[in-house]
């Protein structure tokens, strides 16, 4: 039983093993679309997950098709309006036109 618990823990944590965080930064622009939002941050991140867009270091996608995506957008909007700093976590790329951009799995507001 102990081995099964350890194996499940490792498998569930695996997608975040390649996760990346943006630097602590501010939102420069916030774009909204039909079913998603695009955040442009002031300070570029390294794009270690390898998304193909040349703008991957500055842009992060938020999807509105989940409750958590809508909640992250709400947090991002409040940070943008308050001119607060944020950090965005992303672990995968999403198709954006002919290229791909990072997709957020978390938005952290920093005081």
N, C-alpha and C. Protein backbone atom coordinates (compact mmCIF):
# COMPACT_ATOMS: atom_id res chain seq x y z
N UNK A 1 0.82 -1.20 0.00
CA UNK A 1 0.00 0.00 0.00
C UNK A 1 0.86 1.26 0.00
N UNK A 2 1.95 1.20 0.75
CA UNK A 2 2.85 2.35 0.83
C UNK A 2 3.46 2.66 -0.54
N UNK A 3 3.83 1.62 -1.28
CA UNK A 3 4.42 1.79 -2.61
C UNK A 3 3.41 2.40 -3.57
N UNK A 4 2.16 1.97 -3.49
CA UNK A 4 1.11 2.52 -4.36
C UNK A 4 0.91 4.01 -4.06
N UNK A 5 0.91 4.38 -2.80
CA UNK A 5 0.75 5.79 -2.42
C UNK A 5 1.90 6.63 -2.95
N UNK A 6 3.12 6.13 -2.84
CA UNK A 6 4.28 6.87 -3.35
C UNK A 6 4.21 6.99 -4.86
N UNK A 7 3.86 5.90 -5.55
CA UNK A 7 3.77 5.93 -7.01
C UNK A 7 2.70 6.92 -7.48
N UNK A 8 1.55 6.92 -6.83
CA UNK A 8 0.49 7.87 -7.21
C UNK A 8 0.93 9.31 -6.97
N UNK A 9 1.62 9.57 -5.89
CA UNK A 9 2.11 10.91 -5.61
C UNK A 9 3.06 11.38 -6.70
N UNK A 10 3.95 10.51 -7.12
CA UNK A 10 4.91 10.85 -8.18
C UNK A 10 4.18 11.10 -9.50
N UNK A 11 3.22 10.25 -9.85
CA UNK A 11 2.49 10.42 -11.10
C UNK A 11 1.67 11.70 -11.12
N UNK A 12 1.06 12.05 -10.01
CA UNK A 12 0.25 13.27 -9.95
C UNK A 12 1.10 14.52 -9.98
N UNK A 13 2.31 14.45 -9.48
CA UNK A 13 3.20 15.61 -9.46
C UNK A 13 3.97 15.76 -10.77
N UNK A 14 4.02 14.74 -11.60
CA UNK A 14 4.81 14.75 -12.82
C UNK A 14 4.49 15.91 -13.77
N UNK A 15 3.22 16.26 -14.02
CA UNK A 15 2.96 17.36 -14.94
C UNK A 15 3.55 18.70 -14.46
N UNK A 16 3.66 18.87 -13.16
CA UNK A 16 4.20 20.12 -12.64
C UNK A 16 5.71 20.09 -12.53
N UNK A 17 6.33 18.94 -12.81
CA UNK A 17 7.78 18.84 -12.75
C UNK A 17 8.44 19.75 -13.77
N UNK A 18 7.75 20.00 -14.86
CA UNK A 18 8.28 20.85 -15.91
C UNK A 18 7.63 22.23 -15.89
N UNK A 19 6.98 22.55 -14.80
CA UNK A 19 6.30 23.84 -14.67
C UNK A 19 7.32 24.96 -14.55
N UNK A 20 6.87 26.13 -14.91
CA UNK A 20 7.72 27.31 -14.85
C UNK A 20 6.92 28.44 -14.22
N UNK A 21 7.60 29.35 -13.58
CA UNK A 21 6.97 30.54 -13.03
C UNK A 21 7.52 31.77 -13.73
N UNK A 22 6.64 32.72 -13.98
CA UNK A 22 7.12 33.99 -14.51
C UNK A 22 7.87 34.70 -13.40
N UNK A 23 8.68 35.69 -13.75
CA UNK A 23 9.28 36.49 -12.68
C UNK A 23 8.17 37.27 -11.97
N UNK A 24 8.46 37.76 -10.79
CA UNK A 24 7.50 38.65 -10.12
C UNK A 24 7.49 39.93 -10.94
N UNK A 25 6.34 40.25 -11.47
CA UNK A 25 6.23 41.33 -12.45
C UNK A 25 4.85 41.96 -12.39
N UNK A 26 4.61 42.91 -13.24
CA UNK A 26 3.29 43.52 -13.37
C UNK A 26 2.71 43.17 -14.74
N UNK A 27 1.40 43.27 -14.84
CA UNK A 27 0.73 43.04 -16.11
C UNK A 27 0.80 44.31 -16.94
N UNK A 28 1.32 44.17 -18.15
CA UNK A 28 1.42 45.32 -19.06
C UNK A 28 0.11 45.53 -19.81
N UNK A 29 -0.45 44.43 -20.33
CA UNK A 29 -1.73 44.49 -21.05
C UNK A 29 -2.51 43.22 -20.76
N UNK A 30 -3.83 43.33 -20.85
CA UNK A 30 -4.72 42.20 -20.64
C UNK A 30 -5.71 42.19 -21.80
N UNK A 31 -5.66 41.14 -22.61
CA UNK A 31 -6.54 41.00 -23.77
C UNK A 31 -7.60 39.96 -23.46
N UNK A 32 -8.85 40.21 -23.81
CA UNK A 32 -9.89 39.20 -23.64
C UNK A 32 -10.44 38.82 -25.01
N UNK A 33 -10.72 37.53 -25.15
CA UNK A 33 -11.27 36.97 -26.37
C UNK A 33 -12.53 36.19 -26.01
N UNK A 34 -13.10 35.53 -26.98
CA UNK A 34 -14.34 34.79 -26.80
C UNK A 34 -14.28 33.79 -25.66
N UNK A 35 -13.26 32.97 -25.61
CA UNK A 35 -13.19 31.92 -24.58
C UNK A 35 -11.84 31.88 -23.85
N UNK A 36 -11.07 32.97 -23.94
CA UNK A 36 -9.78 33.01 -23.26
C UNK A 36 -9.30 34.45 -23.10
N UNK A 37 -8.27 34.59 -22.31
CA UNK A 37 -7.62 35.90 -22.13
C UNK A 37 -6.14 35.72 -22.38
N UNK A 38 -5.48 36.79 -22.71
CA UNK A 38 -4.05 36.80 -22.95
C UNK A 38 -3.44 37.86 -22.05
N UNK A 39 -2.47 37.47 -21.24
CA UNK A 39 -1.80 38.40 -20.34
C UNK A 39 -0.43 38.71 -20.92
N UNK A 40 -0.12 39.99 -21.05
CA UNK A 40 1.23 40.41 -21.42
C UNK A 40 1.89 40.94 -20.15
N UNK A 41 3.02 40.36 -19.77
CA UNK A 41 3.71 40.79 -18.56
C UNK A 41 4.86 41.73 -18.92
N UNK A 42 5.27 42.55 -17.94
CA UNK A 42 6.35 43.51 -18.18
C UNK A 42 7.72 42.86 -18.29
N UNK A 43 8.02 41.89 -17.41
CA UNK A 43 9.34 41.26 -17.39
C UNK A 43 9.27 39.88 -18.01
N UNK A 44 10.10 39.65 -18.99
CA UNK A 44 10.07 38.41 -19.75
C UNK A 44 10.52 37.22 -18.91
N UNK A 45 9.90 36.05 -19.13
CA UNK A 45 10.33 34.81 -18.50
C UNK A 45 11.14 34.01 -19.52
N UNK A 46 11.74 32.93 -19.06
CA UNK A 46 12.70 32.18 -19.89
C UNK A 46 12.07 31.28 -20.94
N UNK A 47 10.78 30.99 -20.87
CA UNK A 47 10.11 30.07 -21.80
C UNK A 47 10.80 28.71 -21.82
N UNK A 48 11.08 28.20 -20.63
CA UNK A 48 11.78 26.91 -20.51
C UNK A 48 10.94 25.73 -20.99
N UNK A 49 9.61 25.90 -21.08
CA UNK A 49 8.78 24.79 -21.56
C UNK A 49 8.77 24.71 -23.08
N UNK A 50 9.35 25.70 -23.75
CA UNK A 50 9.60 25.62 -25.19
C UNK A 50 8.43 25.91 -26.11
N UNK A 51 7.55 26.82 -25.75
CA UNK A 51 6.47 27.20 -26.66
C UNK A 51 7.07 27.88 -27.89
N UNK A 52 6.40 27.75 -29.04
CA UNK A 52 7.02 28.14 -30.31
C UNK A 52 6.90 29.62 -30.69
N UNK A 53 6.00 30.37 -30.08
CA UNK A 53 5.86 31.78 -30.45
C UNK A 53 7.08 32.58 -29.98
N UNK A 54 7.56 33.51 -30.80
CA UNK A 54 8.66 34.37 -30.36
C UNK A 54 8.24 35.25 -29.17
N UNK A 55 6.94 35.39 -28.96
CA UNK A 55 6.44 36.20 -27.85
C UNK A 55 6.13 35.36 -26.61
N UNK A 56 6.53 34.09 -26.61
CA UNK A 56 6.22 33.19 -25.50
C UNK A 56 6.79 33.65 -24.17
N UNK A 57 7.84 34.42 -24.17
CA UNK A 57 8.43 34.91 -22.94
C UNK A 57 7.67 36.06 -22.30
N UNK A 58 6.74 36.65 -23.03
CA UNK A 58 5.98 37.80 -22.52
C UNK A 58 4.49 37.56 -22.36
N UNK A 59 3.96 36.52 -22.99
CA UNK A 59 2.52 36.29 -23.00
C UNK A 59 2.15 34.96 -22.34
N UNK A 60 1.01 34.95 -21.65
CA UNK A 60 0.48 33.74 -21.04
C UNK A 60 -1.03 33.70 -21.31
N UNK A 61 -1.55 32.53 -21.67
CA UNK A 61 -2.96 32.34 -21.98
C UNK A 61 -3.72 31.87 -20.74
N UNK A 62 -4.93 32.41 -20.55
CA UNK A 62 -5.87 31.94 -19.54
C UNK A 62 -7.11 31.44 -20.27
N UNK A 63 -7.52 30.21 -19.98
CA UNK A 63 -8.71 29.64 -20.62
C UNK A 63 -9.95 29.88 -19.77
N UNK A 64 -11.04 30.24 -20.42
CA UNK A 64 -12.31 30.46 -19.72
C UNK A 64 -13.19 29.22 -19.69
N UNK A 65 -12.71 28.10 -20.24
CA UNK A 65 -13.55 26.91 -20.30
C UNK A 65 -13.60 26.14 -18.97
N UNK A 66 -12.87 26.61 -17.96
CA UNK A 66 -12.93 26.00 -16.63
C UNK A 66 -13.19 27.09 -15.59
N UNK A 67 -13.70 26.68 -14.46
CA UNK A 67 -13.92 27.62 -13.36
C UNK A 67 -12.60 28.20 -12.89
N UNK A 68 -11.57 27.37 -12.81
CA UNK A 68 -10.27 27.87 -12.35
C UNK A 68 -9.70 28.91 -13.32
N UNK A 69 -9.92 28.75 -14.61
CA UNK A 69 -9.47 29.73 -15.59
C UNK A 69 -10.15 31.08 -15.39
N UNK A 70 -11.44 31.04 -15.11
CA UNK A 70 -12.18 32.28 -14.84
C UNK A 70 -11.71 32.93 -13.55
N UNK A 71 -11.40 32.10 -12.54
CA UNK A 71 -10.90 32.64 -11.27
C UNK A 71 -9.52 33.26 -11.44
N UNK A 72 -8.67 32.63 -12.25
CA UNK A 72 -7.35 33.20 -12.51
C UNK A 72 -7.47 34.53 -13.26
N UNK A 73 -8.43 34.60 -14.20
CA UNK A 73 -8.65 35.86 -14.91
C UNK A 73 -9.10 36.95 -13.94
N UNK A 74 -9.98 36.61 -13.02
CA UNK A 74 -10.45 37.57 -12.03
C UNK A 74 -9.28 38.08 -11.18
N UNK A 75 -8.40 37.17 -10.78
CA UNK A 75 -7.22 37.56 -10.00
C UNK A 75 -6.30 38.45 -10.83
N UNK A 76 -6.09 38.08 -12.09
CA UNK A 76 -5.23 38.88 -12.97
C UNK A 76 -5.82 40.27 -13.20
N UNK A 77 -7.13 40.33 -13.40
CA UNK A 77 -7.79 41.62 -13.62
C UNK A 77 -7.66 42.51 -12.38
N UNK A 78 -7.83 41.94 -11.21
CA UNK A 78 -7.71 42.74 -9.99
C UNK A 78 -6.27 43.22 -9.81
N UNK A 79 -5.29 42.40 -10.14
CA UNK A 79 -3.89 42.82 -10.05
C UNK A 79 -3.59 43.93 -11.05
N UNK A 80 -4.16 43.81 -12.25
CA UNK A 80 -3.95 44.82 -13.29
C UNK A 80 -4.56 46.16 -12.86
N UNK A 81 -5.78 46.11 -12.34
CA UNK A 81 -6.45 47.35 -11.92
C UNK A 81 -5.77 48.00 -10.71
N UNK A 82 -5.20 47.19 -9.82
CA UNK A 82 -4.53 47.71 -8.62
C UNK A 82 -3.05 48.00 -8.87
N UNK A 83 -2.57 47.73 -10.08
CA UNK A 83 -1.17 47.91 -10.42
C UNK A 83 -0.27 47.11 -9.47
N UNK A 84 -0.73 45.89 -9.12
CA UNK A 84 0.00 45.01 -8.21
C UNK A 84 0.91 44.07 -8.98
N UNK A 85 1.84 43.49 -8.27
CA UNK A 85 2.74 42.51 -8.87
C UNK A 85 2.11 41.12 -8.82
N UNK A 86 2.50 40.29 -9.78
CA UNK A 86 2.00 38.92 -9.88
C UNK A 86 3.12 37.98 -10.25
N UNK A 87 2.85 36.70 -10.13
CA UNK A 87 3.68 35.65 -10.70
C UNK A 87 2.71 34.63 -11.29
N UNK A 88 3.01 34.15 -12.47
CA UNK A 88 2.11 33.22 -13.17
C UNK A 88 2.84 31.89 -13.36
N UNK A 89 2.15 30.81 -13.01
CA UNK A 89 2.70 29.48 -13.23
C UNK A 89 2.14 28.88 -14.51
N UNK A 90 2.97 28.22 -15.29
CA UNK A 90 2.52 27.57 -16.51
C UNK A 90 3.34 26.31 -16.73
N UNK A 91 2.70 25.30 -17.31
CA UNK A 91 3.36 24.00 -17.47
C UNK A 91 3.18 23.41 -18.86
N UNK A 92 2.39 24.04 -19.70
CA UNK A 92 2.19 23.49 -21.05
C UNK A 92 1.95 24.63 -22.03
N UNK A 93 2.09 24.28 -23.29
CA UNK A 93 1.85 25.25 -24.36
C UNK A 93 0.48 25.01 -24.96
N UNK A 94 -0.10 26.07 -25.51
CA UNK A 94 -1.41 25.99 -26.15
C UNK A 94 -1.31 26.62 -27.53
N UNK A 95 -1.99 26.03 -28.49
CA UNK A 95 -2.00 26.57 -29.85
C UNK A 95 -2.56 27.99 -29.84
N UNK A 96 -1.85 28.88 -30.49
CA UNK A 96 -2.28 30.27 -30.63
C UNK A 96 -1.94 30.69 -32.05
N UNK A 97 -2.92 30.63 -32.93
CA UNK A 97 -2.66 30.89 -34.35
C UNK A 97 -1.78 29.78 -34.90
N UNK A 98 -0.68 30.17 -35.56
CA UNK A 98 0.24 29.19 -36.13
C UNK A 98 1.32 28.78 -35.13
N UNK A 99 1.31 29.35 -33.93
CA UNK A 99 2.35 29.07 -32.94
C UNK A 99 1.72 28.56 -31.64
N UNK A 100 2.52 28.48 -30.59
CA UNK A 100 2.00 28.12 -29.27
C UNK A 100 2.49 29.11 -28.22
N UNK A 101 1.67 29.28 -27.18
CA UNK A 101 1.97 30.16 -26.05
C UNK A 101 1.77 29.39 -24.75
N UNK A 102 2.45 29.81 -23.67
CA UNK A 102 2.26 29.15 -22.37
C UNK A 102 0.83 29.32 -21.86
N UNK A 103 0.30 28.30 -21.18
CA UNK A 103 -1.03 28.34 -20.58
C UNK A 103 -0.89 28.32 -19.06
N UNK A 104 -1.57 29.25 -18.40
CA UNK A 104 -1.46 29.38 -16.95
C UNK A 104 -2.20 28.27 -16.22
N UNK A 105 -1.60 27.82 -15.12
CA UNK A 105 -2.30 26.92 -14.20
C UNK A 105 -2.45 27.59 -12.84
N UNK A 106 -1.79 28.74 -12.64
CA UNK A 106 -1.96 29.50 -11.40
C UNK A 106 -1.56 30.95 -11.61
N UNK A 107 -2.19 31.83 -10.84
CA UNK A 107 -1.85 33.26 -10.81
C UNK A 107 -1.70 33.63 -9.34
N UNK A 108 -0.55 34.15 -9.01
CA UNK A 108 -0.26 34.54 -7.63
C UNK A 108 -0.17 36.05 -7.54
N UNK A 109 -0.97 36.65 -6.67
CA UNK A 109 -0.91 38.09 -6.44
C UNK A 109 0.08 38.36 -5.32
N UNK A 110 0.94 39.35 -5.52
CA UNK A 110 1.99 39.65 -4.56
C UNK A 110 1.84 41.08 -4.08
N UNK A 111 1.83 41.22 -2.79
CA UNK A 111 1.63 42.53 -2.18
C UNK A 111 2.89 43.36 -2.23
